[in-house]
C-alpha atoms as a PDB file:
ATOM      1  CA  VAL A   1      48.431 152.255 130.613  1.00  0.00           C
ATOM      2  CA  MET A   2      44.688 152.200 131.008  1.00  0.00           C
ATOM      3  CA  PRO A   3      42.745 150.428 128.255  1.00  0.00           C
ATOM      4  CA  LYS A   4      40.034 152.976 127.431  1.00  0.00           C
ATOM      5  CA  ARG A   5      41.332 156.395 128.454  1.00  0.00           C
ATOM      6  CA  THR A   6      44.411 158.214 129.635  1.00  0.00           C
ATOM      7  CA  GLY A   7      44.922 159.168 133.241  1.00  0.00           C
ATOM      8  CA  ILE A   8      44.320 162.811 132.318  1.00  0.00           C
ATOM      9  CA  GLU A   9      41.010 161.886 130.665  1.00  0.00           C
ATOM     10  CA  ALA A  10      40.002 159.884 133.743  1.00  0.00           C
ATOM     11  CA  LEU A  11      40.951 162.802 135.991  1.00  0.00           C
ATOM     12  CA  LYS A  12      38.779 165.161 133.927  1.00  0.00           C
ATOM     13  CA  GLU A  13      35.831 162.743 134.154  1.00  0.00           C
ATOM     14  CA  ILE A  14      36.234 162.266 137.900  1.00  0.00           C
ATOM     15  CA  ARG A  15      36.460 166.006 138.552  1.00  0.00           C
ATOM     16  CA  ALA A  16      33.446 166.674 136.272  1.00  0.00           C
ATOM     17  CA  GLN A  17      31.361 164.218 138.292  1.00  0.00           C
ATOM     18  CA  ASP A  18      32.697 165.409 141.644  1.00  0.00           C
ATOM     19  CA  PRO A  19      34.600 168.706 141.730  1.00  0.00           C
ATOM     20  CA  ASN A  20      35.549 167.972 145.352  1.00  0.00           C
ATOM     21  CA  ALA A  21      37.133 164.591 144.585  1.00  0.00           C
ATOM     22  CA  LYS A  22      40.653 164.207 145.916  1.00  0.00           C
ATOM     23  CA  VAL A  23      42.726 162.475 143.216  1.00  0.00           C
ATOM     24  CA  VAL A  24      46.314 161.303 143.425  1.00  0.00           C
ATOM     25  CA  MET A  25      47.757 160.389 140.049  1.00  0.00           C
ATOM     26  CA  ILE A  26      50.145 157.426 139.926  1.00  0.00           C
ATOM     27  CA  SER A  27      52.061 157.003 136.696  1.00  0.00           C
ATOM     28  CA  ALA A  28      55.147 155.519 135.126  1.00  0.00           C
ATOM     29  CA  ILE A  29      55.487 158.705 133.090  1.00  0.00           C
ATOM     30  CA  ASP A  30      58.056 160.939 134.748  1.00  0.00           C
ATOM     31  CA  GLN A  31      57.729 164.021 132.575  1.00  0.00           C
ATOM     32  CA  ARG A  32      57.015 167.588 133.601  1.00  0.00           C
ATOM     33  CA  GLU A  33      54.174 168.310 131.158  1.00  0.00           C
ATOM     34  CA  PRO A  34      51.795 165.464 132.191  1.00  0.00           C
ATOM     35  CA  LEU A  35      52.555 166.180 135.849  1.00  0.00           C
ATOM     36  CA  MET A  36      51.737 169.880 135.452  1.00  0.00           C
ATOM     37  CA  ASP A  37      48.589 169.077 133.451  1.00  0.00           C
ATOM     38  CA  ALA A  38      47.337 166.760 136.199  1.00  0.00           C
ATOM     39  CA  LEU A  39      47.958 169.346 138.914  1.00  0.00           C
ATOM     40  CA  LYS A  40      46.293 172.109 136.867  1.00  0.00           C
ATOM     41  CA  LEU A  41      43.262 169.853 136.384  1.00  0.00           C
ATOM     42  CA  GLY A  42      42.892 169.339 140.122  1.00  0.00           C
ATOM     43  CA  ALA A  43      44.997 166.348 141.106  1.00  0.00           C
ATOM     44  CA  VAL A  44      46.188 166.716 144.690  1.00  0.00           C
ATOM     45  CA  ASP A  45      49.499 164.981 144.008  1.00  0.00           C
ATOM     46  CA  TYR A  46      51.370 162.973 141.385  1.00  0.00           C
ATOM     47  CA  VAL A  47      53.422 159.898 142.304  1.00  0.00           C
ATOM     48  CA  VAL A  48      55.842 158.379 139.804  1.00  0.00           C
ATOM     49  CA  LYS A  49      56.417 154.611 139.550  1.00  0.00           C
ATOM     50  CA  PRO A  50      58.309 152.801 140.810  1.00  0.00           C
ATOM     51  CA  PHE A  51      57.436 154.486 144.065  1.00  0.00           C
ATOM     52  CA  GLU A  52      58.527 154.202 147.644  1.00  0.00           C
ATOM     53  CA  LYS A  53      56.042 153.559 150.434  1.00  0.00           C
ATOM     54  CA  ASP A  54      57.004 156.888 152.046  1.00  0.00           C
ATOM     55  CA  ARG A  55      56.128 158.783 148.878  1.00  0.00           C
ATOM     56  CA  VAL A  56      52.638 157.258 148.717  1.00  0.00           C
ATOM     57  CA  GLU A  57      52.107 158.004 152.409  1.00  0.00           C
ATOM     58  CA  GLU A  58      53.157 161.607 151.787  1.00  0.00           C
ATOM     59  CA  ALA A  59      50.559 161.882 149.011  1.00  0.00           C
ATOM     60  CA  MET A  60      47.850 160.446 151.270  1.00  0.00           C
ATOM     61  CA  HIS A  61      48.738 162.932 154.012  1.00  0.00           C
ATOM     62  CA  ARG A  62      48.409 165.725 151.463  1.00  0.00           C
ATOM     63  CA  VAL A  63      44.922 164.453 150.567  1.00  0.00           C
ATOM     64  CA  ALA A  64      43.922 164.275 154.224  1.00  0.00           C
ATOM     65  CA  ALA A  65      45.202 167.810 154.866  1.00  0.00           C
ATOM     66  CA  GLY A  66      43.429 169.366 151.922  1.00  0.00           C
END
């Protein structure tokens, strides 16, 4: 939990400042709606905690490819 904004709010701010920013969301919330919202708003990937090293590496490869 971030103290001043949600991850979705932060994603919106980041993308507003830099539409080309590559953002990977990392969250303890494993629910379809927040995940879909993040992807619709431009997140490249969404990793759920607790996460495995391989899953984070996969997300970074997706960023590098796109």
